[in-house]
Protein backbone atom coordinates (compact mmCIF):
# COMPACT_ATOMS: atom_id res chain seq x y z
CA MET A 1 0.00 0.00 0.00
CA GLY A 2 1.14 3.54 -0.61
CA ILE A 3 1.78 5.96 -3.37
CA LYS A 4 2.42 4.18 -6.66
CA GLU A 5 3.92 7.17 -8.45
CA PRO A 6 6.19 9.97 -7.29
CA ILE A 7 4.87 13.50 -6.95
CA PHE A 8 6.89 16.34 -8.46
CA LEU A 9 6.98 20.01 -7.52
CA GLY A 10 7.30 22.47 -10.36
CA ASN A 11 7.11 21.98 -14.07
CA ARG A 12 8.76 25.13 -15.25
CA PRO A 13 12.07 25.79 -17.00
CA GLY A 14 14.88 26.19 -14.54
CA ILE A 15 13.06 24.51 -11.66
CA PRO A 16 14.35 21.02 -10.93
CA LYS A 17 11.85 18.24 -10.41
CA VAL A 18 11.92 17.01 -6.83
CA SER A 19 10.25 13.81 -5.69
CA TYR A 20 9.20 12.90 -2.18
CA PRO A 21 9.16 9.11 -1.87
CA LEU A 22 7.16 7.47 0.88
CA ALA A 23 7.50 4.03 2.42
CA VAL A 24 6.02 2.23 5.38
CA MET A 25 8.83 0.57 7.31
CA LYS A 26 8.12 -3.07 8.07
CA ASP A 27 9.37 -2.73 11.66
CA SER A 28 7.47 0.50 12.35
CA LYS A 29 5.86 0.78 15.77
CA ASN A 30 3.04 2.67 14.05
CA ALA A 31 2.68 0.69 10.82
CA GLU A 32 -1.11 0.95 10.67
CA ALA A 33 -1.03 4.73 11.10
CA ALA A 34 1.72 4.94 8.47
CA ARG A 35 -0.36 2.88 6.02
CA LYS A 36 -3.36 5.13 6.61
CA PHE A 37 -1.22 8.21 6.05
CA ALA A 38 0.22 6.75 2.83
CA ALA A 39 -3.29 5.92 1.62
CA TYR A 40 -4.44 9.45 2.42
CA LEU A 41 -1.54 10.97 0.46
CA ALA A 42 -2.65 8.93 -2.57
CA SER A 43 -6.30 9.99 -2.19
CA PRO A 44 -8.11 12.42 -4.48
CA GLU A 45 -8.48 14.83 -1.53
CA ALA A 46 -4.72 14.97 -0.93
CA ARG A 47 -4.00 15.15 -4.68
CA ALA A 48 -6.22 18.24 -4.87
CA ILE A 49 -4.21 19.86 -2.07
CA PHE A 50 -0.93 18.96 -3.79
CA THR A 51 -2.19 20.48 -7.03
CA LYS A 52 -3.32 23.64 -5.23
CA TYR A 53 0.26 24.16 -4.01
CA GLY A 54 2.01 23.39 -7.29
CA PHE A 55 2.75 19.69 -6.96
CA LEU A 56 2.20 17.66 -10.12
CA PRO A 57 1.80 13.90 -10.65
CA ALA A 58 4.69 12.11 -12.29
CA PRO A 59 4.69 12.24 -16.10
């Protein structure tokens, strides 16, 4: 579970593409919360927020 594609900030000349990978660590003490957070970040609601602030889905 988690984000299947990276999210990039900026799509303009001179602005480097930066990705923010996300992973749920198998030995996490809060694995369920981490999975829920990862699922939220991949949700349409979170994608709308990312778009509002200039983040774009991977090409």
